[in-house]
Amino acid sequence: MPGLVVVAVTACVAAGWSAIDRRDGTSSGASHHVELVTTSAWRITTDFSDAVGPTADQRWLDSGTIPGVGTQWADMVRYALLDLHQLSEPVGLLAAGAGENWGFSWPRDNAFAAAALAKTGHAHEAEQILGFLASVQGDDGGFQARYLLGSDDPPDGRSPQSDGAGWALWALDQVAVSSADPRATAAQFQGLLESATGFALDEVSDGSRLPPASSDYWEQRETKLTLGTAAPLLAGLQASARLFTVLDDPVAAMRSSRAADGVEQLIAQGFRPDGYQRYETSGGTDASICFLMPPFTDRPTADVVDAWRRYQVDAMRPAGGLAPGVSWKQDGISWTPETALVALAAASDGDSQTATRWLDWLNAHRTTWGSLPEKVNSDGTPGGPAPLAWTAASVILAVAALDARAGSTTSQR
C-alpha cells in the first residue's frame, strides 16, 4: 500500500514535520544539543474543513474522555490526545512522531497508543491500531522492528524485535478491558491473540527458558538478552492468560499462565542478583525496569521497586529528566518516553507522589504549541520530534491511572 505512505508522510510534512534527523547524539561525555525537527505549524489553529481544524478536534475530544480535568495536567493531556489523533491522520495509521524519520509504525508505540485511546473512549481508533498489528504480524506471530505506514514492509534492514508480540498482547488486553464487551473485543482479535501467544510461547519454550537476545527499545543490535526484551514478553503472556480466560478457553489460559510464571521466576533468577540491570549482570538499570511494574505486570517485588527507584536517580540528566538507561551515552539529554514510563508505573502502582513529580516535569518541558517532545536538552529546551506518540500515550495513561486510583470523577466526557 505505498500510496498510503505518500499520502500520510506528505500530509504530515505539510503540517510542520521537518526532514532533519538529529538522533545520532555524540561521543560519551560530551554535551549535545538537539534541535526540534517539528515546527509550530504542527498545531492546526484554523478550520480548513469540517474534518480538519479546532472544531473537528473538539468534536473528536468530546466523543471520548479527557483524564485529569481540573488538574495541572489537563492541558497536557488534551494536547497529547489530539497529537495521537493527528499522528494517525489522514488514514488512521499511527506514525511514531512528527518528523520524517519518525514517520513509521513501531509495534511498541502502537500498543501504547491503542491502550491510551481505548482508555479515553476512542475504541474505534484503538481497534484500528490492533487491526494494523494483526495485518502486519509475521507467519511466526512476531513483528518487525517498525513498518512503513500502510504496509507490512520494514523501511530498512533492522532485525525483528521479539518484544513486539508481548506489546501486542498487552495492548489487546488493555483495549478489551476498556471496552463495553471485553469478550467481543478479544474474539474480534483472536487471530492476533493466538499468533502472538504462539510466538511468545516459542520464544520462552513454554516458560522453561528466557528468550534469545533481540534488539529492544534502545534500537541497537544485541548479542545478550536485555530486560527490555524479557519483561514485555512476560507482560504479554500474563495478558494472554487473562484474554483466554475471557474467551472461556481454560486450556490456553493455563498454558499462558504457566509460561508466564516460569518466565517471571527465570527473570528473577537471572536479573535480581545484580539489581535488575539492562543485562543480567551488567549495563546498569534502565527504563525497562518499568515493564516489571504495573500496568505491565501485576506483582512487583520489593527488589524490582528498589531497582525502579534507583534508575530514577542513576539515569538523571542535567535538565531533570531521565536517559533511557544508566549506560546510555552521557550527552546531557533527557528522554521523555522513558521519563513518562516512570510516571505511568508510579501512577499505576499507587505512588502518586512520584507520578506527580515526573508528570510535572514533563508538563514543564512541552513545546510552545503544547506537544511533548522526544528529548529535552541540558538547558531545558525541547528537541527532536514533538509530538512523540509513545510519550503522549504514556502521559495519558498515567493521568488516567491517577484518576482511577483516586476514584476521581474529573475525567470529562
Protein backbone atom coordinates (compact mmCIF):
# COMPACT_ATOMS: atom_id res chain seq x y z
CA MET A 1 0.00 0.00 0.00
CA PRO A 2 2.73 2.53 -0.92
CA GLY A 3 0.19 5.19 -1.86
CA LEU A 4 -0.90 5.48 1.75
CA VAL A 5 2.68 6.10 2.76
CA VAL A 6 2.99 9.02 0.35
CA VAL A 7 -0.33 10.49 1.48
CA ALA A 8 0.45 10.20 5.19
CA VAL A 9 4.02 11.48 5.04
CA THR A 10 3.19 14.31 2.65
CA ALA A 11 0.32 15.46 4.85
CA CYS A 12 2.44 15.40 7.97
CA VAL A 13 5.36 17.27 6.39
CA ALA A 14 2.88 19.96 5.40
CA ALA A 15 1.65 20.09 8.98
CA GLY A 16 5.01 21.00 10.46
CA TRP A 17 7.27 17.98 10.03
CA SER A 18 10.89 18.57 9.16
CA ALA A 19 13.16 16.20 7.29
CA ILE A 20 16.02 16.93 9.68
CA ASP A 21 17.17 13.92 11.69
CA ARG A 22 19.48 14.58 14.63
CA ARG A 23 19.04 11.38 16.57
CA ASP A 24 22.66 10.31 16.38
CA GLY A 25 23.89 12.02 19.53
CA THR A 26 27.57 12.44 20.20
CA SER A 27 30.50 10.81 21.94
CA SER A 28 30.26 9.77 25.54
CA GLY A 29 30.76 12.60 28.00
CA ALA A 30 30.19 15.42 25.51
CA SER A 31 27.18 17.67 25.93
CA HIS A 32 24.98 17.71 22.86
CA HIS A 33 22.17 19.99 21.74
CA VAL A 34 19.32 18.55 19.70
CA GLU A 35 17.15 20.92 17.69
CA LEU A 36 13.42 20.47 17.28
CA VAL A 37 12.55 18.78 14.00
CA THR A 38 8.91 19.92 14.21
CA THR A 39 7.60 23.46 13.90
CA SER A 40 4.60 25.20 15.42
CA ALA A 41 2.77 24.57 12.14
CA TRP A 42 2.05 21.13 13.57
CA ARG A 43 -0.75 22.62 15.66
CA ILE A 44 -3.66 23.37 13.34
CA THR A 45 -5.41 26.51 14.59
CA THR A 46 -7.76 27.24 11.68
CA ASP A 47 -10.76 25.28 10.46
CA PHE A 48 -9.82 24.18 6.94
CA SER A 49 -12.85 21.93 6.56
CA ASP A 50 -15.46 20.14 8.61
CA ALA A 51 -12.90 17.39 9.21
CA VAL A 52 -9.73 19.44 9.79
CA GLY A 53 -9.30 22.14 12.40
CA PRO A 54 -10.07 23.06 16.01
CA THR A 55 -13.81 22.45 15.65
CA ALA A 56 -13.24 18.91 14.38
CA ASP A 57 -10.61 18.37 17.08
CA GLN A 58 -13.03 19.38 19.81
CA ARG A 59 -15.73 17.18 18.35
CA TRP A 60 -13.33 14.24 18.46
CA LEU A 61 -12.31 15.01 22.04
CA ASP A 62 -15.97 15.24 23.04
CA SER A 63 -16.54 11.73 21.72
CA GLY A 64 -14.35 10.36 24.49
CA THR A 65 -12.99 11.35 27.88
CA ILE A 66 -10.13 13.61 28.95
CA PRO A 67 -8.27 12.36 32.04
CA GLY A 68 -7.06 14.89 34.56
CA VAL A 69 -9.64 17.62 34.03
CA GLY A 70 -9.24 20.08 36.89
CA THR A 71 -5.60 19.13 37.47
CA GLN A 72 -2.40 20.90 36.42
CA TRP A 73 -2.03 18.31 33.64
CA ALA A 74 -5.38 18.86 31.90
CA ASP A 75 -3.89 20.92 29.08
CA MET A 76 -1.02 18.48 28.57
CA VAL A 77 -3.39 15.52 28.35
CA ARG A 78 -5.73 17.33 25.99
CA TYR A 79 -2.89 18.08 23.58
CA ALA A 80 -1.47 14.56 23.98
CA LEU A 81 -4.81 13.13 22.88
CA LEU A 82 -5.02 15.50 19.93
CA ASP A 83 -1.45 14.60 18.98
CA LEU A 84 -2.25 10.87 18.92
CA HIS A 85 -5.28 11.67 16.79
CA GLN A 86 -3.27 13.81 14.38
CA LEU A 87 -0.40 11.30 14.19
CA SER A 88 -3.00 8.80 12.99
CA GLU A 89 -4.32 11.05 10.21
CA PRO A 90 -5.33 11.04 7.43
CA VAL A 91 -5.67 7.27 7.07
CA GLY A 92 -5.73 6.00 10.65
CA LEU A 93 -2.15 4.70 10.68
CA LEU A 94 -0.08 5.81 13.67
CA ALA A 95 3.28 7.45 12.99
CA ALA A 96 5.78 7.36 15.85
CA GLY A 97 6.38 11.10 15.82
CA ALA A 98 6.12 14.37 13.96
CA GLY A 99 9.29 14.12 11.94
CA GLU A 100 10.07 12.48 8.62
CA ASN A 101 12.43 9.96 10.18
CA TRP A 102 9.76 9.05 12.70
CA GLY A 103 7.09 8.58 10.03
CA PHE A 104 6.91 4.83 10.57
CA SER A 105 4.85 2.49 12.74
CA TRP A 106 6.58 0.76 15.64
CA PRO A 107 4.53 -2.04 17.28
CA ARG A 108 5.63 -0.74 20.68
CA ASP A 109 4.30 2.76 20.05
CA ASN A 110 1.13 1.38 18.51
CA ALA A 111 0.49 -0.74 21.60
CA PHE A 112 0.72 2.20 23.99
CA ALA A 113 -1.39 4.40 21.73
CA ALA A 114 -4.09 1.72 21.47
CA ALA A 115 -4.21 1.42 25.25
CA ALA A 116 -4.44 5.20 25.71
CA LEU A 117 -7.12 5.65 23.06
CA ALA A 118 -9.21 2.80 24.45
CA LYS A 119 -8.85 4.14 27.98
CA THR A 120 -10.24 7.50 26.86
CA GLY A 121 -13.23 6.15 24.97
CA HIS A 122 -11.84 6.15 21.44
CA ALA A 123 -12.48 2.46 20.81
CA HIS A 124 -12.63 2.76 17.03
CA GLU A 125 -9.13 4.24 16.79
CA ALA A 126 -7.77 1.69 19.28
CA GLU A 127 -9.25 -1.16 17.27
CA GLN A 128 -7.80 0.31 14.07
CA ILE A 129 -4.37 0.02 15.64
CA LEU A 130 -4.97 -3.57 16.71
CA GLY A 131 -6.17 -4.30 13.20
CA PHE A 132 -2.95 -2.86 11.82
CA LEU A 133 -0.88 -5.03 14.16
CA ALA A 134 -2.85 -8.10 13.10
CA SER A 135 -2.33 -7.23 9.43
CA VAL A 136 1.47 -6.94 9.66
CA GLN A 137 2.06 -9.86 12.01
CA GLY A 138 4.56 -12.37 10.65
CA ASP A 139 3.83 -16.01 9.95
CA ASP A 140 5.52 -16.85 13.25
CA GLY A 141 3.32 -14.39 15.16
CA GLY A 142 6.12 -11.89 15.70
CA PHE A 143 6.79 -8.39 14.41
CA GLN A 144 9.38 -6.36 12.58
CA ALA A 145 11.05 -3.50 14.47
CA ARG A 146 8.96 -0.98 12.51
CA TYR A 147 6.88 -0.69 9.37
CA LEU A 148 6.22 1.70 6.55
CA LEU A 149 2.88 3.39 7.11
CA GLY A 150 0.16 1.35 5.44
CA SER A 151 2.46 -1.56 4.66
CA ASP A 152 3.76 -4.77 6.19
CA ASP A 153 7.22 -3.94 4.84
CA PRO A 154 10.02 -2.64 7.08
CA PRO A 155 11.78 0.53 5.91
CA ASP A 156 15.26 -0.85 6.44
CA GLY A 157 17.27 -3.91 7.40
CA ARG A 158 16.69 -3.80 11.15
CA SER A 159 16.14 -7.22 12.66
CA PRO A 160 12.70 -8.13 14.04
CA GLN A 161 12.20 -7.25 17.70
CA SER A 162 10.68 -10.01 19.79
CA ASP A 163 9.16 -7.64 22.36
CA GLY A 164 6.56 -6.70 19.74
CA ALA A 165 4.47 -9.81 20.38
CA GLY A 166 4.41 -9.04 24.09
CA TRP A 167 3.32 -5.47 23.45
CA ALA A 168 0.58 -6.58 21.05
CA LEU A 169 -0.85 -8.94 23.67
CA TRP A 170 -0.65 -6.32 26.41
CA ALA A 171 -2.37 -3.77 24.18
CA LEU A 172 -5.16 -6.17 23.24
CA ASP A 173 -5.80 -6.86 26.91
CA GLN A 174 -5.85 -3.14 27.70
CA VAL A 175 -8.28 -2.44 24.86
CA ALA A 176 -10.51 -5.35 25.85
CA VAL A 177 -10.66 -4.28 29.49
CA SER A 178 -11.60 -0.75 28.44
CA SER A 179 -14.34 -1.91 26.07
CA ALA A 180 -18.04 -2.36 26.80
CA ASP A 181 -17.73 -6.06 25.91
CA PRO A 182 -14.26 -7.48 26.66
CA ARG A 183 -15.19 -10.91 25.33
CA ALA A 184 -16.33 -9.50 21.99
CA THR A 185 -13.15 -7.44 21.66
CA ALA A 186 -10.95 -10.43 22.47
CA ALA A 187 -12.89 -12.55 19.98
CA GLN A 188 -12.58 -9.89 17.29
CA PHE A 189 -8.79 -10.10 17.54
CA GLN A 190 -8.49 -13.78 18.39
CA GLY A 191 -6.14 -14.34 15.47
CA LEU A 192 -3.76 -11.68 16.79
CA LEU A 193 -4.04 -13.21 20.26
CA GLU A 194 -3.34 -16.77 19.18
CA SER A 195 -0.46 -15.90 16.85
CA ALA A 196 1.30 -13.53 19.26
CA THR A 197 0.83 -16.01 22.09
CA GLY A 198 2.31 -18.77 19.95
CA PHE A 199 5.33 -16.60 19.20
CA ALA A 200 5.83 -15.73 22.87
CA LEU A 201 5.49 -19.35 23.96
CA ASP A 202 8.04 -20.43 21.36
CA GLU A 203 10.48 -17.71 22.43
CA VAL A 204 10.45 -18.93 26.03
CA SER A 205 9.82 -22.64 25.37
CA ASP A 206 6.61 -22.50 27.40
CA GLY A 207 8.36 -20.82 30.29
CA SER A 208 11.34 -23.15 30.55
CA ARG A 209 13.88 -20.57 29.35
CA LEU A 210 14.31 -16.84 28.84
CA PRO A 211 14.01 -15.59 25.24
CA PRO A 212 17.00 -15.25 22.92
CA ALA A 213 18.72 -11.88 22.56
CA SER A 214 16.86 -9.32 20.47
CA SER A 215 17.01 -5.61 19.82
CA ASP A 216 14.66 -3.67 22.09
CA TYR A 217 13.57 -0.04 22.59
CA TRP A 218 17.23 1.08 22.53
CA GLU A 219 17.15 0.23 18.80
CA GLN A 220 20.61 -1.32 18.73
CA ARG A 221 21.88 -4.78 17.88
CA GLU A 222 22.17 -7.06 20.89
CA THR A 223 24.12 -10.24 21.49
CA LYS A 224 22.91 -10.62 25.09
CA LEU A 225 19.38 -10.77 26.44
CA THR A 226 18.05 -7.48 27.77
CA LEU A 227 15.36 -6.90 30.35
CA GLY A 228 13.72 -4.78 27.65
CA THR A 229 13.02 -7.96 25.70
CA ALA A 230 12.25 -10.39 28.52
CA ALA A 231 9.86 -8.19 30.52
CA PRO A 232 7.45 -7.31 27.67
CA LEU A 233 7.13 -11.00 26.80
CA LEU A 234 6.26 -11.68 30.44
CA ALA A 235 3.66 -8.91 30.35
CA GLY A 236 2.30 -10.32 27.11
CA LEU A 237 1.96 -13.85 28.44
CA GLN A 238 0.16 -12.60 31.55
CA ALA A 239 -2.18 -10.62 29.29
CA SER A 240 -2.67 -13.68 27.10
CA ALA A 241 -3.79 -15.73 30.09
CA ARG A 242 -6.37 -13.10 31.00
CA LEU A 243 -7.65 -12.85 27.44
CA PHE A 244 -8.06 -16.60 27.01
CA THR A 245 -9.90 -16.66 30.34
CA VAL A 246 -12.30 -14.04 28.98
CA LEU A 247 -12.77 -16.26 25.91
CA ASP A 248 -13.55 -19.28 28.13
CA ASP A 249 -10.52 -21.21 26.88
CA PRO A 250 -9.10 -22.58 30.14
CA VAL A 251 -6.52 -24.79 28.43
CA ALA A 252 -4.92 -21.93 26.52
CA ALA A 253 -5.22 -19.65 29.56
CA MET A 254 -3.44 -22.18 31.76
CA ARG A 255 -0.66 -22.67 29.22
CA SER A 256 0.00 -18.93 29.02
CA SER A 257 -0.25 -18.55 32.80
CA ARG A 258 2.23 -21.34 33.48
CA ALA A 259 4.63 -19.99 30.89
CA ALA A 260 4.36 -16.52 32.44
CA ASP A 261 5.07 -17.93 35.90
CA GLY A 262 8.14 -19.69 34.55
CA VAL A 263 9.44 -16.57 32.81
CA GLU A 264 8.79 -14.48 35.91
CA GLN A 265 10.87 -16.88 38.01
CA LEU A 266 13.66 -17.01 35.43
CA ILE A 267 13.80 -13.21 35.17
CA ALA A 268 14.14 -13.03 38.95
CA GLN A 269 16.84 -15.70 38.97
CA GLY A 270 18.79 -14.08 36.15
CA PHE A 271 18.36 -10.36 36.79
CA ARG A 272 17.68 -9.94 40.51
CA PRO A 273 21.12 -10.92 41.92
CA ASP A 274 22.80 -7.95 40.22
CA GLY A 275 19.99 -5.48 40.77
CA TYR A 276 17.85 -5.82 37.65
CA GLN A 277 20.28 -4.21 35.24
CA ARG A 278 19.85 -3.93 31.48
CA TYR A 279 21.64 -7.24 31.04
CA GLU A 280 21.60 -9.99 33.63
CA THR A 281 24.93 -8.98 35.19
CA SER A 282 25.82 -5.63 33.63
CA GLY A 283 24.65 -2.45 31.94
CA GLY A 284 23.16 -0.62 34.92
CA THR A 285 19.45 -0.07 35.38
CA ASP A 286 17.36 1.21 32.52
CA ALA A 287 13.76 2.13 31.82
CA SER A 288 12.79 -1.48 31.12
CA ILE A 289 12.56 -1.97 34.88
CA CYS A 290 9.21 -0.18 34.47
CA PHE A 291 7.98 -3.18 32.48
CA LEU A 292 8.11 -5.26 35.67
CA MET A 293 5.76 -2.77 37.33
CA PRO A 294 2.04 -2.12 36.83
CA PRO A 295 0.33 -1.68 34.42
CA PHE A 296 2.50 -4.24 32.67
CA THR A 297 2.88 -6.90 35.34
CA ASP A 298 0.83 -7.22 38.49
CA ARG A 299 3.27 -8.37 41.14
CA PRO A 300 6.28 -6.06 41.53
CA THR A 301 8.62 -7.36 44.21
CA ALA A 302 10.49 -5.14 46.63
CA ASP A 303 13.69 -5.74 44.64
CA VAL A 304 12.01 -4.57 41.45
CA VAL A 305 10.69 -1.43 43.13
CA ASP A 306 14.16 -0.74 44.57
CA ALA A 307 15.72 -1.02 41.10
CA TRP A 308 12.99 1.19 39.66
CA ARG A 309 13.75 3.88 42.24
CA ARG A 310 17.49 3.52 41.67
CA TYR A 311 17.01 4.06 37.93
CA GLN A 312 15.34 7.40 38.64
CA VAL A 313 18.48 8.56 40.47
CA ASP A 314 21.23 6.98 38.40
CA ALA A 315 19.83 7.93 34.97
CA MET A 316 19.11 11.57 35.86
CA ARG A 317 20.20 14.15 33.31
CA PRO A 318 21.01 17.89 33.81
CA ALA A 319 17.55 19.16 32.84
CA GLY A 320 15.98 16.84 35.39
CA GLY A 321 14.63 14.09 33.15
CA LEU A 322 15.93 10.58 32.55
CA ALA A 323 18.13 8.87 29.99
CA PRO A 324 16.99 5.53 28.54
CA GLY A 325 19.43 3.84 30.89
CA VAL A 326 22.43 4.32 33.14
CA SER A 327 24.83 3.12 30.43
CA TRP A 328 23.32 5.37 27.76
CA LYS A 329 25.76 7.90 26.32
CA GLN A 330 26.47 10.84 28.61
CA ASP A 331 25.28 13.57 26.26
CA GLY A 332 23.20 15.55 28.76
CA ILE A 333 19.90 14.76 27.06
CA SER A 334 16.72 13.72 28.89
CA TRP A 335 14.33 11.43 27.04
CA THR A 336 10.61 11.90 27.57
CA PRO A 337 9.41 8.36 26.67
CA GLU A 338 11.41 6.81 29.48
CA THR A 339 10.53 9.59 31.92
CA ALA A 340 6.85 9.12 31.09
CA LEU A 341 7.19 5.36 31.63
CA VAL A 342 8.29 6.03 35.21
CA ALA A 343 5.29 8.29 35.72
CA LEU A 344 2.98 5.62 34.32
CA ALA A 345 4.43 2.90 36.53
CA ALA A 346 4.20 5.13 39.59
CA ALA A 347 0.60 6.12 38.89
CA SER A 348 -0.42 2.53 38.20
CA ASP A 349 1.23 1.30 41.40
CA GLY A 350 -0.43 3.96 43.55
CA ASP A 351 2.69 6.10 44.07
CA SER A 352 1.04 9.44 43.35
CA GLN A 353 3.96 11.46 44.72
CA THR A 354 6.44 10.01 42.23
CA ALA A 355 3.92 10.18 39.40
CA THR A 356 3.22 13.84 40.17
CA ARG A 357 6.93 14.68 40.18
CA TRP A 358 7.53 13.29 36.71
CA LEU A 359 4.26 14.50 35.20
CA ASP A 360 5.05 17.99 36.44
CA TRP A 361 8.50 17.78 34.85
CA LEU A 362 7.05 16.62 31.54
CA ASN A 363 4.41 19.34 31.66
CA ALA A 364 7.08 21.99 32.20
CA HIS A 365 9.08 20.89 29.16
CA ARG A 366 6.44 20.92 26.44
CA THR A 367 6.82 22.91 23.26
CA THR A 368 5.17 26.28 22.70
CA TRP A 369 2.42 24.51 20.74
CA GLY A 370 1.71 22.17 23.66
CA SER A 371 3.23 18.92 22.42
CA LEU A 372 5.59 16.69 24.36
CA PRO A 373 8.98 16.43 22.60
CA GLU A 374 11.10 13.32 22.36
CA LYS A 375 14.11 14.92 24.04
CA VAL A 376 14.98 17.74 26.44
CA ASN A 377 18.43 19.30 26.21
CA SER A 378 20.63 20.01 29.21
CA ASP A 379 19.48 23.65 29.11
CA GLY A 380 15.84 22.57 29.33
CA THR A 381 14.92 23.28 25.70
CA PRO A 382 12.92 20.69 23.73
CA GLY A 383 14.48 18.70 20.91
CA GLY A 384 13.65 16.06 18.33
CA PRO A 385 10.12 15.45 17.10
CA ALA A 386 7.21 16.96 19.00
CA PRO A 387 4.88 15.21 19.50
CA LEU A 388 6.13 11.68 20.05
CA ALA A 389 3.39 9.04 20.20
CA TRP A 390 4.96 6.87 22.91
CA THR A 391 5.38 9.78 25.30
CA ALA A 392 1.91 11.16 24.61
CA ALA A 393 0.27 7.77 25.20
CA SER A 394 2.17 7.10 28.43
CA VAL A 395 1.23 10.51 29.83
CA ILE A 396 -2.45 9.94 29.03
CA LEU A 397 -2.35 6.53 30.69
CA ALA A 398 -0.51 7.88 33.74
CA VAL A 399 -3.03 10.64 34.40
CA ALA A 400 -5.90 8.23 33.79
CA ALA A 401 -4.35 5.85 36.33
CA LEU A 402 -4.14 8.64 38.91
CA ASP A 403 -7.80 9.45 38.27
CA ALA A 404 -8.74 5.81 38.74
CA ARG A 405 -6.64 5.38 41.88
CA ALA A 406 -8.22 8.45 43.42
CA GLY A 407 -11.70 7.34 42.43
CA SER A 408 -11.76 10.63 40.57
CA THR A 409 -14.67 11.91 38.55
CA THR A 410 -12.51 14.53 36.87
CA SER A 411 -12.34 12.69 33.56
CA GLN A 412 -14.62 14.69 31.31
CA ARG A 413 -16.89 13.35 28.62
